[in-house]
């Protein structure tokens, strides 16, 4: 293990404001002399279920970077930096937020010149999660898609969420739930949709696939025993992690052959069934470490948990129609980045704009602000508090974001006059889709955020605290 870099302290300048670290902390940004805030960017404690970047940038043109995760604290007008395994890189690039971003991005995460598929920006997206839950079937998916068109919504990207597959790690359509998947996708294409499927890096433990991947040493392992031992005395030594759907093994994407196998399974879905892209869920860095965070699991090539998250993100580069919810570093790349699942609350609604701004200022410009009305299915179950106005206001917030994504069906859940406002928001997004796409292309070339805080455009005029 590398020795830790010496802690340093940076006095804040008068009226200086800072952004960075974890997107989920955006409600506390910008940090200033008034802030009392401390955060670890290490995998343990959890990274927060969203994008994280070892970066801090200030409204006065300064930046902090470290190639490793670190901890930071704002307290009584001082920024304290500690807990890093790599040298600190502190710089002044000018006198504004824009100059701080450009200086850091040019050095540490230059734009790739590429962007996700244009369809992500030009029309609303539709996700089956809230309406279908784990009951993803061919008839229900088609009924949801037909209802979108019947309600007057413009077709766009349709995401079929978790449980379309035979099992975790078995990336085939379940024949019990999808009798004719190619015919289904052909119909969805005819309706004007492009189709994404939910996938994750997990493998169900008690499965033939898990045993085969373990034999090939393509799963993360609890220990470092040799190839000669595993398969003889120990038939399966895969590490087990607990996630929101139980206990699973995890693909070791540091192994080139494991990564090729995973990409091959996805490419088969594209080539054989006409799938257009993938929603890459999970991949959070804490899933690549022991439950107490004491050590990373063993892998083909030595990796920190955060580097495993980067390996998962790298898969998406082969599929222009992609979406991620968790990421470490990897800014400036052509990946759609969604805010973490929000609950159905006004507090969560208020987090959408600060969260999307924070994503852009960390270099993740291709932003989707979660599902309209919230992405946690439990909030919409019988007996839960449902606020129809919250869905309407959420749709209006999404309308001029780089991406907007429906899941709950306004035409079903809302009274007609309120559903009509959501429809107007969807049509507004589609009407301005060309402008949004132009901004996305400009961002791919320049790295500049699509969605920018006022302080970016009009620096040092008191706009740093404007978050609405």
Protein backbone atom coordinates (compact mmCIF):
# COMPACT_ATOMS: atom_id res chain seq x y z
CA UNK A 1 0.00 0.00 0.00
CA UNK A 2 1.30 3.43 -0.90
CA UNK A 3 2.13 5.78 2.00
CA UNK A 4 -0.34 8.60 2.43
CA UNK A 5 0.50 12.03 1.09
CA UNK A 6 1.06 14.65 3.77
CA UNK A 7 -2.12 16.57 4.65
CA UNK A 8 -2.29 20.17 3.49
CA UNK A 9 -4.39 23.20 4.37
CA UNK A 10 -5.60 25.87 1.93
CA UNK A 11 -6.99 29.12 3.38
CA UNK A 12 -10.08 30.25 1.47
CA UNK A 13 -10.02 33.65 -0.17
CA UNK A 14 -12.74 36.25 0.41
CA UNK A 15 -16.02 35.14 -1.24
CA UNK A 16 -14.35 32.04 -2.77
CA UNK A 17 -16.73 29.12 -3.50
CA UNK A 18 -15.85 25.50 -4.32
CA UNK A 19 -17.53 22.55 -6.08
CA UNK A 20 -16.53 18.91 -6.46
CA UNK A 21 -16.09 15.55 -4.76
CA UNK A 22 -19.36 13.61 -4.87
CA UNK A 23 -22.40 14.55 -6.92
CA UNK A 24 -24.71 13.44 -4.10
CA UNK A 25 -23.30 16.25 -1.96
CA UNK A 26 -24.48 18.88 -4.43
CA UNK A 27 -27.08 20.20 -1.98
CA UNK A 28 -24.14 21.40 0.15
CA UNK A 29 -22.36 23.06 -2.80
CA UNK A 30 -20.81 25.44 -3.30
CA UNK A 31 -18.57 25.09 -0.26
CA UNK A 32 -17.39 28.37 1.23
CA UNK A 33 -15.99 29.99 4.35
CA UNK A 34 -19.44 29.47 5.89
CA UNK A 35 -19.32 25.69 5.31
CA UNK A 36 -18.68 23.07 7.95
CA UNK A 37 -18.42 19.99 5.77
CA UNK A 38 -16.29 16.83 5.69
CA UNK A 39 -16.26 14.05 3.10
CA UNK A 40 -14.31 10.91 2.22
CA UNK A 41 -14.12 9.90 -1.45
CA UNK A 42 -12.91 6.40 -0.59
CA UNK A 43 -15.05 3.36 -1.43
CA UNK A 44 -15.72 2.86 2.26
CA UNK A 45 -17.79 4.48 3.56
CA UNK A 46 -19.99 4.29 0.52
CA UNK A 47 -19.34 6.57 -2.41
CA UNK A 48 -22.96 7.70 -2.34
CA UNK A 49 -24.33 5.80 -5.29
CA UNK A 50 -23.48 8.40 -7.92
CA UNK A 51 -20.56 9.99 -9.73
CA UNK A 52 -17.44 10.94 -7.74
CA UNK A 53 -14.32 12.74 -8.91
CA UNK A 54 -11.07 13.49 -6.98
CA UNK A 55 -11.49 17.13 -7.93
CA UNK A 56 -12.34 20.44 -6.29
CA UNK A 57 -12.61 23.68 -8.31
CA UNK A 58 -13.18 27.21 -7.09
CA UNK A 59 -14.85 30.38 -8.29
CA UNK A 60 -11.43 32.08 -8.01
CA UNK A 61 -9.75 29.85 -10.58
CA UNK A 62 -8.13 27.32 -8.25
CA UNK A 63 -8.28 23.52 -8.44
CA UNK A 64 -7.33 20.49 -6.35
CA UNK A 65 -6.74 17.06 -7.89
CA UNK A 66 -5.40 13.76 -6.63
CA UNK A 67 -5.01 10.59 -8.66
CA UNK A 68 -6.28 8.62 -5.67
CA UNK A 69 -9.38 9.01 -3.48
CA UNK A 70 -8.95 11.48 -0.64
CA UNK A 71 -10.75 13.17 2.20
CA UNK A 72 -11.49 16.87 2.51
CA UNK A 73 -12.96 19.27 5.01
CA UNK A 74 -14.19 22.86 4.84
CA UNK A 75 -14.13 24.42 8.28
CA UNK A 76 -13.76 28.02 9.50
CA UNK A 77 -12.46 29.33 6.22
CA UNK A 78 -9.90 26.57 5.61
CA UNK A 79 -9.91 23.68 3.13
CA UNK A 80 -8.10 20.68 4.62
CA UNK A 81 -6.95 17.82 2.37
CA UNK A 82 -5.84 14.43 3.70
CA UNK A 83 -6.10 10.65 3.27
CA UNK A 84 -4.62 10.47 -0.24
CA UNK A 85 -2.14 7.86 -1.53
CA UNK A 86 -0.88 10.05 -4.38
CA UNK A 87 0.70 13.51 -4.46
CA UNK A 88 -1.54 16.57 -4.30
CA UNK A 89 -1.92 18.67 -7.43
CA UNK A 90 -3.04 22.14 -6.43
CA UNK A 91 -3.05 24.88 -9.04
CA UNK A 92 -4.36 28.32 -9.96
CA UNK A 93 -5.58 28.56 -13.54
CA UNK A 94 -7.01 32.08 -13.52
CA UNK A 95 -9.60 34.00 -11.56
CA UNK A 96 -12.93 32.33 -12.46
CA UNK A 97 -14.84 29.06 -12.14
CA UNK A 98 -14.64 28.52 -15.88
CA UNK A 99 -10.84 28.93 -15.86
CA UNK A 100 -10.52 26.53 -12.93
CA UNK A 101 -12.57 23.92 -14.80
CA UNK A 102 -10.70 24.35 -18.07
CA UNK A 103 -7.32 24.12 -16.36
CA UNK A 104 -8.18 20.94 -14.47
CA UNK A 105 -10.01 19.31 -17.40
CA UNK A 106 -7.21 19.94 -19.87
CA UNK A 107 -4.75 18.22 -17.55
CA UNK A 108 -6.77 15.42 -15.96
CA UNK A 109 -9.91 14.65 -18.01
CA UNK A 110 -9.73 16.20 -21.50
CA UNK A 111 -12.83 15.82 -23.66
CA UNK A 112 -12.84 12.78 -25.91
CA UNK A 113 -14.60 14.54 -28.79
CA UNK A 114 -17.33 11.89 -28.62
CA UNK A 115 -20.81 11.92 -27.11
CA UNK A 116 -23.52 9.37 -26.35
CA UNK A 117 -26.08 8.57 -29.04
CA UNK A 118 -28.04 11.59 -30.27
CA UNK A 119 -31.33 9.89 -29.35
CA UNK A 120 -30.51 10.43 -25.67
CA UNK A 121 -30.92 14.18 -26.14
CA UNK A 122 -33.44 14.81 -28.88
CA UNK A 123 -36.57 13.23 -27.34
CA UNK A 124 -37.77 12.10 -23.92
CA UNK A 125 -36.63 8.76 -22.56
CA UNK A 126 -39.03 6.22 -21.05
CA UNK A 127 -38.08 3.67 -18.42
CA UNK A 128 -40.30 0.71 -17.53
CA UNK A 129 -39.26 0.54 -13.88
CA UNK A 130 -42.05 2.37 -12.01
CA UNK A 131 -44.91 1.02 -14.13
CA UNK A 132 -43.67 -2.58 -14.40
CA UNK A 133 -41.31 -3.11 -11.44
CA UNK A 134 -39.88 -6.63 -11.50
CA UNK A 135 -42.79 -7.85 -13.63
CA UNK A 136 -41.06 -7.11 -16.92
CA UNK A 137 -42.81 -9.11 -19.64
CA UNK A 138 -43.20 -8.78 -23.37
CA UNK A 139 -46.95 -7.95 -23.24
CA UNK A 140 -46.47 -5.33 -20.52
CA UNK A 141 -43.50 -3.66 -22.22
CA UNK A 142 -45.46 -3.40 -25.46
CA UNK A 143 -48.52 -2.08 -23.64
CA UNK A 144 -46.41 0.63 -21.97
CA UNK A 145 -44.87 1.66 -25.31
CA UNK A 146 -48.23 1.75 -27.10
CA UNK A 147 -49.69 3.83 -24.27
CA UNK A 148 -46.87 6.38 -24.67
CA UNK A 149 -47.79 6.88 -28.32
CA UNK A 150 -51.54 6.83 -27.66
CA UNK A 151 -51.10 9.59 -25.06
CA UNK A 152 -49.45 11.80 -27.69
CA UNK A 153 -45.87 11.61 -26.40
CA UNK A 154 -42.99 11.69 -28.89
CA UNK A 155 -41.24 8.33 -29.15
CA UNK A 156 -37.67 8.21 -27.89
CA UNK A 157 -35.41 5.82 -26.03
CA UNK A 158 -37.26 3.02 -24.19
CA UNK A 159 -35.37 1.34 -21.34
CA UNK A 160 -36.47 -2.16 -20.30
CA UNK A 161 -35.39 -2.42 -16.68
CA UNK A 162 -34.29 -5.24 -14.38
CA UNK A 163 -35.80 -8.74 -14.74
CA UNK A 164 -36.01 -9.02 -18.51
CA UNK A 165 -33.04 -11.40 -18.28
CA UNK A 166 -32.91 -15.06 -17.42
CA UNK A 167 -30.66 -14.40 -14.41
CA UNK A 168 -27.97 -11.98 -13.26
CA UNK A 169 -24.99 -12.80 -15.44
CA UNK A 170 -27.17 -14.79 -17.85
CA UNK A 171 -27.85 -12.04 -20.35
CA UNK A 172 -30.55 -13.75 -22.39
CA UNK A 173 -34.23 -12.81 -22.54
CA UNK A 174 -36.24 -14.95 -20.15
CA UNK A 175 -38.30 -17.24 -22.41
CA UNK A 176 -41.01 -17.34 -19.73
CA UNK A 177 -41.49 -13.55 -19.88
CA UNK A 178 -40.39 -12.75 -23.44
CA UNK A 179 -41.63 -15.36 -25.89
CA UNK A 180 -40.58 -13.44 -29.03
CA UNK A 181 -38.06 -10.76 -28.06
CA UNK A 182 -37.00 -10.02 -31.64
CA UNK A 183 -40.60 -9.43 -32.68
CA UNK A 184 -41.10 -7.19 -29.65
CA UNK A 185 -38.08 -5.05 -30.48
CA UNK A 186 -39.09 -4.87 -34.12
CA UNK A 187 -42.48 -3.50 -33.04
CA UNK A 188 -40.85 -1.00 -30.67
CA UNK A 189 -38.63 0.18 -33.53
CA UNK A 190 -41.67 0.51 -35.77
CA UNK A 191 -43.30 2.71 -33.11
CA UNK A 192 -40.24 4.97 -33.23
CA UNK A 193 -38.39 3.80 -30.10
CA UNK A 194 -34.77 2.82 -29.60
CA UNK A 195 -34.42 0.08 -27.00
CA UNK A 196 -32.03 -0.18 -24.06
CA UNK A 197 -31.74 -3.11 -21.64
CA UNK A 198 -30.75 -2.98 -17.97
CA UNK A 199 -27.50 -4.81 -17.08
CA UNK A 200 -25.16 -4.97 -14.09
CA UNK A 201 -21.75 -6.49 -13.21
CA UNK A 202 -23.24 -9.11 -10.87
CA UNK A 203 -23.58 -12.87 -11.38
CA UNK A 204 -26.07 -14.99 -9.45
CA UNK A 205 -24.01 -17.16 -7.14
CA UNK A 206 -25.81 -20.48 -7.46
CA UNK A 207 -25.75 -20.70 -11.23
CA UNK A 208 -23.99 -22.62 -13.96
CA UNK A 209 -22.66 -19.32 -15.30
CA UNK A 210 -21.14 -18.42 -11.94
CA UNK A 211 -19.37 -21.77 -11.70
CA UNK A 212 -18.01 -21.45 -15.24
CA UNK A 213 -16.82 -17.87 -14.73
CA UNK A 214 -15.19 -18.86 -11.44
CA UNK A 215 -13.41 -21.75 -13.13
CA UNK A 216 -12.04 -19.31 -15.68
CA UNK A 217 -11.02 -16.91 -12.88
CA UNK A 218 -13.24 -14.17 -14.28
CA UNK A 219 -14.90 -13.32 -10.95
CA UNK A 220 -13.52 -11.31 -8.06
CA UNK A 221 -12.09 -13.60 -5.39
CA UNK A 222 -11.95 -13.67 -1.61
CA UNK A 223 -8.27 -14.63 -1.59
CA UNK A 224 -5.23 -14.92 -3.83
CA UNK A 225 -4.88 -18.68 -4.11
CA UNK A 226 -3.35 -20.01 -7.30
CA UNK A 227 -5.03 -21.40 -10.37
CA UNK A 228 -3.80 -24.86 -9.35
CA UNK A 229 -5.75 -24.72 -6.09
CA UNK A 230 -9.04 -23.36 -7.40
CA UNK A 231 -10.89 -25.95 -9.46
CA UNK A 232 -9.44 -28.81 -7.44
CA UNK A 233 -9.60 -28.39 -3.67
CA UNK A 234 -11.75 -25.24 -3.98
CA UNK A 235 -14.25 -25.41 -6.84
CA UNK A 236 -15.54 -21.85 -6.35
CA UNK A 237 -13.83 -19.11 -4.35
CA UNK A 238 -15.74 -16.16 -5.79
CA UNK A 239 -16.25 -13.21 -3.47
CA UNK A 240 -19.87 -12.64 -2.48
CA UNK A 241 -21.30 -9.15 -2.08
CA UNK A 242 -24.68 -8.04 -0.80
CA UNK A 243 -26.58 -5.59 -2.96
CA UNK A 244 -30.20 -4.48 -3.22
CA UNK A 245 -31.27 -7.75 -4.85
CA UNK A 246 -29.47 -10.20 -2.59
CA UNK A 247 -26.03 -11.82 -2.69
CA UNK A 248 -24.04 -12.23 -5.89
CA UNK A 249 -20.58 -12.72 -7.34
CA UNK A 250 -18.98 -9.86 -9.28
CA UNK A 251 -17.36 -9.89 -12.70
CA UNK A 252 -13.63 -9.15 -12.64
CA UNK A 253 -13.48 -6.67 -15.51
CA UNK A 254 -9.75 -6.14 -14.93
CA UNK A 255 -9.38 -9.48 -16.76
CA UNK A 256 -9.35 -8.76 -20.52
CA UNK A 257 -11.06 -12.05 -21.29
CA UNK A 258 -13.83 -11.40 -18.74
CA UNK A 259 -14.41 -7.94 -20.20
CA UNK A 260 -14.48 -9.43 -23.70
CA UNK A 261 -16.98 -12.08 -22.55
CA UNK A 262 -19.30 -9.43 -21.07
CA UNK A 263 -19.08 -7.20 -24.14
CA UNK A 264 -19.68 -10.26 -26.30
CA UNK A 265 -22.89 -11.10 -24.44
CA UNK A 266 -24.10 -7.53 -24.95
CA UNK A 267 -23.07 -7.48 -28.61
CA UNK A 268 -25.08 -10.66 -29.14
CA UNK A 269 -28.19 -8.87 -27.88
CA UNK A 270 -27.50 -6.07 -30.34
CA UNK A 271 -26.84 -8.35 -33.32
CA UNK A 272 -29.40 -11.08 -32.71
CA UNK A 273 -32.33 -9.14 -31.26
CA UNK A 274 -31.79 -5.56 -32.46
CA UNK A 275 -31.15 -4.06 -29.00
CA UNK A 276 -29.78 -0.51 -29.36
CA UNK A 277 -27.95 0.01 -26.05
CA UNK A 278 -27.72 -0.61 -22.32
CA UNK A 279 -28.46 0.88 -18.93
CA UNK A 280 -25.38 -0.02 -16.87
CA UNK A 281 -26.55 -0.13 -13.26
CA UNK A 282 -24.57 -0.66 -10.05
CA UNK A 283 -20.79 -0.59 -10.48
CA UNK A 284 -20.45 1.43 -7.27
CA UNK A 285 -16.95 1.21 -5.85
CA UNK A 286 -18.07 -0.24 -2.50
CA UNK A 287 -19.19 -3.41 -4.29
CA UNK A 288 -15.54 -4.18 -5.10
CA UNK A 289 -14.29 -4.21 -1.50
CA UNK A 290 -14.72 -6.40 1.56
CA UNK A 291 -17.90 -5.54 3.49
CA UNK A 292 -15.97 -3.64 6.15
CA UNK A 293 -13.98 -1.73 3.53
CA UNK A 294 -10.70 -3.11 4.84
CA UNK A 295 -9.38 -4.32 1.47
CA UNK A 296 -10.38 -4.74 -2.15
CA UNK A 297 -11.24 -8.19 -3.39
CA UNK A 298 -8.58 -10.04 -5.37
CA UNK A 299 -8.64 -9.62 -9.13
CA UNK A 300 -6.69 -10.54 -12.25
CA UNK A 301 -4.84 -7.23 -12.17
CA UNK A 302 -4.40 -5.29 -8.94
CA UNK A 303 -7.18 -2.71 -8.68
CA UNK A 304 -8.55 -0.36 -6.10
CA UNK A 305 -12.35 -0.51 -5.75
CA UNK A 306 -12.56 2.80 -7.59
CA UNK A 307 -10.52 1.43 -10.50
CA UNK A 308 -12.97 -1.48 -10.79
CA UNK A 309 -15.74 1.12 -11.18
CA UNK A 310 -13.71 2.63 -14.03
CA UNK A 311 -13.41 -0.81 -15.65
CA UNK A 312 -17.21 -1.09 -15.63
CA UNK A 313 -17.56 2.40 -17.13
CA UNK A 314 -15.12 1.48 -19.89
CA UNK A 315 -17.57 -1.18 -21.16
CA UNK A 316 -20.02 1.55 -22.12
CA UNK A 317 -17.60 3.11 -24.59
CA UNK A 318 -18.47 0.31 -27.04
CA UNK A 319 -22.19 1.17 -26.90
CA UNK A 320 -23.10 4.78 -27.78
CA UNK A 321 -26.60 4.34 -26.31
CA UNK A 322 -25.60 3.99 -22.66
CA UNK A 323 -26.48 5.18 -19.18
CA UNK A 324 -24.56 5.03 -15.88
CA UNK A 325 -25.61 5.94 -12.35
CA UNK A 326 -22.24 5.43 -10.62
CA UNK A 327 -18.82 6.46 -11.87
CA UNK A 328 -15.33 7.22 -10.56
CA UNK A 329 -13.20 9.67 -12.56
CA UNK A 330 -13.74 8.90 -16.28
CA UNK A 331 -15.03 12.40 -17.00
CA UNK A 332 -14.90 13.80 -20.53
CA UNK A 333 -16.05 10.45 -21.95
CA UNK A 334 -19.15 9.74 -24.09
CA UNK A 335 -21.21 8.29 -21.24
CA UNK A 336 -24.71 9.27 -20.17
CA UNK A 337 -24.63 9.92 -16.42
CA UNK A 338 -27.86 9.81 -14.39
CA UNK A 339 -28.37 11.24 -10.95
CA UNK A 340 -28.95 8.57 -8.34
CA UNK A 341 -32.48 7.27 -7.71
CA UNK A 342 -34.53 9.95 -5.98
CA UNK A 343 -37.46 9.47 -3.67
CA UNK A 344 -40.86 11.02 -4.33
CA UNK A 345 -40.37 14.23 -2.36
CA UNK A 346 -40.00 17.97 -2.80
CA UNK A 347 -36.58 17.74 -1.15
CA UNK A 348 -35.44 15.36 -3.89
CA UNK A 349 -36.93 17.64 -6.54
CA UNK A 350 -34.86 20.54 -5.23
CA UNK A 351 -31.71 18.42 -5.62
CA UNK A 352 -32.12 17.96 -9.39
CA UNK A 353 -30.65 21.26 -10.57
CA UNK A 354 -27.75 21.42 -8.05
CA UNK A 355 -27.00 17.76 -8.82
CA UNK A 356 -26.98 18.26 -12.58
CA UNK A 357 -24.79 21.36 -12.19
CA UNK A 358 -22.34 19.42 -10.00
CA UNK A 359 -22.16 16.61 -12.58
CA UNK A 360 -21.19 19.08 -15.29
CA UNK A 361 -18.60 20.83 -13.14
CA UNK A 362 -16.97 17.44 -12.51
CA UNK A 363 -16.71 16.81 -16.24
CA UNK A 364 -19.79 14.59 -16.65
CA UNK A 365 -21.68 16.81 -19.03
CA UNK A 366 -24.18 14.33 -20.48
CA UNK A 367 -26.64 14.57 -17.61
CA UNK A 368 -29.94 12.82 -16.89
CA UNK A 369 -31.67 13.98 -13.67
CA UNK A 370 -33.18 10.60 -12.64
CA UNK A 371 -36.79 9.59 -13.29
CA UNK A 372 -39.56 12.18 -13.40
CA UNK A 373 -41.32 12.15 -10.04
CA UNK A 374 -38.71 9.88 -8.46
CA UNK A 375 -37.03 6.58 -9.22
CA UNK A 376 -37.73 4.59 -6.04
CA UNK A 377 -40.59 2.21 -6.77
CA UNK A 378 -41.68 2.00 -3.14
CA UNK A 379 -42.86 5.60 -3.24
CA UNK A 380 -45.60 4.63 -5.70
CA UNK A 381 -46.87 1.48 -4.01
CA UNK A 382 -50.36 1.35 -2.46
CA UNK A 383 -50.44 3.14 0.87
CA UNK A 384 -47.55 5.44 0.02
CA UNK A 385 -48.01 9.20 -0.16
CA UNK A 386 -48.38 10.22 -3.78
CA UNK A 387 -48.29 13.90 -4.74
CA UNK A 388 -49.44 14.40 -8.34
CA UNK A 389 -48.17 17.99 -8.45
CA UNK A 390 -44.68 16.68 -7.73
CA UNK A 391 -44.76 14.68 -10.96
CA UNK A 392 -45.87 17.77 -12.90
CA UNK A 393 -43.17 20.01 -11.44
CA UNK A 394 -40.54 17.32 -11.96
CA UNK A 395 -41.48 17.05 -15.64
CA UNK A 396 -41.15 20.81 -15.97
CA UNK A 397 -37.67 20.76 -14.37
CA UNK A 398 -36.61 17.98 -16.75
CA UNK A 399 -37.99 19.63 -19.87
CA UNK A 400 -34.91 21.71 -20.73
CA UNK A 401 -32.31 19.46 -19.12
CA UNK A 402 -29.87 17.66 -21.46
CA UNK A 403 -32.03 14.55 -20.98
CA UNK A 404 -35.47 13.89 -19.53
CA UNK A 405 -36.73 10.45 -18.49
CA UNK A 406 -40.29 9.35 -17.71
CA UNK A 407 -41.19 6.17 -15.87
CA UNK A 408 -44.46 6.67 -14.01
CA UNK A 409 -47.13 7.24 -16.66
CA UNK A 410 -48.71 10.70 -16.28
CA UNK A 411 -51.62 9.68 -18.53
CA UNK A 412 -52.46 6.94 -16.02
CA UNK A 413 -51.52 8.48 -12.68
CA UNK A 414 -52.68 12.10 -13.07
CA UNK A 415 -55.97 13.81 -13.78
CA UNK A 416 -56.20 14.90 -17.43
CA UNK A 417 -55.43 18.59 -17.00
CA UNK A 418 -52.25 17.79 -15.02
CA UNK A 419 -51.22 15.02 -17.41
CA UNK A 420 -51.54 17.59 -20.21
CA UNK A 421 -48.84 19.75 -18.53
CA UNK A 422 -46.45 16.76 -18.49
CA UNK A 423 -47.21 16.15 -22.15
CA UNK A 424 -46.41 19.80 -22.90
CA UNK A 425 -43.07 19.42 -21.09
CA UNK A 426 -42.23 16.34 -23.17
CA UNK A 427 -43.12 18.13 -26.39
CA UNK A 428 -41.06 21.15 -25.35
CA UNK A 429 -38.00 18.94 -24.85
CA UNK A 430 -38.52 17.36 -28.27
CA UNK A 431 -39.05 20.77 -29.89
CA UNK A 432 -35.75 22.01 -28.46
CA UNK A 433 -34.00 18.70 -29.09
CA UNK A 434 -31.94 20.15 -31.92
CA UNK A 435 -30.61 22.91 -29.66
CA UNK A 436 -29.82 20.44 -26.89
CA UNK A 437 -28.06 18.15 -29.36
CA UNK A 438 -25.97 21.09 -30.64
CA UNK A 439 -24.90 21.87 -27.07
CA UNK A 440 -24.04 18.21 -26.49
CA UNK A 441 -21.83 18.19 -29.58
CA UNK A 442 -20.14 21.39 -28.46
CA UNK A 443 -19.56 19.84 -25.03
CA UNK A 444 -18.04 16.72 -26.56
CA UNK A 445 -15.49 18.94 -28.30
CA UNK A 446 -14.83 21.51 -25.55
CA UNK A 447 -15.63 19.61 -22.36
CA UNK A 448 -17.74 22.54 -21.14
CA UNK A 449 -20.87 21.57 -19.20
CA UNK A 450 -24.15 21.65 -21.13
CA UNK A 451 -25.94 22.84 -17.99
CA UNK A 452 -23.95 25.64 -16.32
CA UNK A 453 -24.34 27.65 -13.14
CA UNK A 454 -24.82 31.40 -13.53
CA UNK A 455 -21.38 31.93 -11.98
CA UNK A 456 -19.86 30.19 -15.02
CA UNK A 457 -21.30 32.76 -17.39
CA UNK A 458 -21.14 35.83 -15.12
CA UNK A 459 -18.24 35.29 -12.68
CA UNK A 460 -17.70 37.12 -9.42
CA UNK A 461 -21.05 38.91 -9.51
CA UNK A 462 -22.66 37.18 -6.56
CA UNK A 463 -24.34 34.37 -8.51
CA UNK A 464 -22.37 31.51 -6.93
CA UNK A 465 -25.15 30.69 -4.43
CA UNK A 466 -27.98 30.68 -7.02
CA UNK A 467 -29.16 27.07 -7.25
CA UNK A 468 -32.65 27.22 -8.78
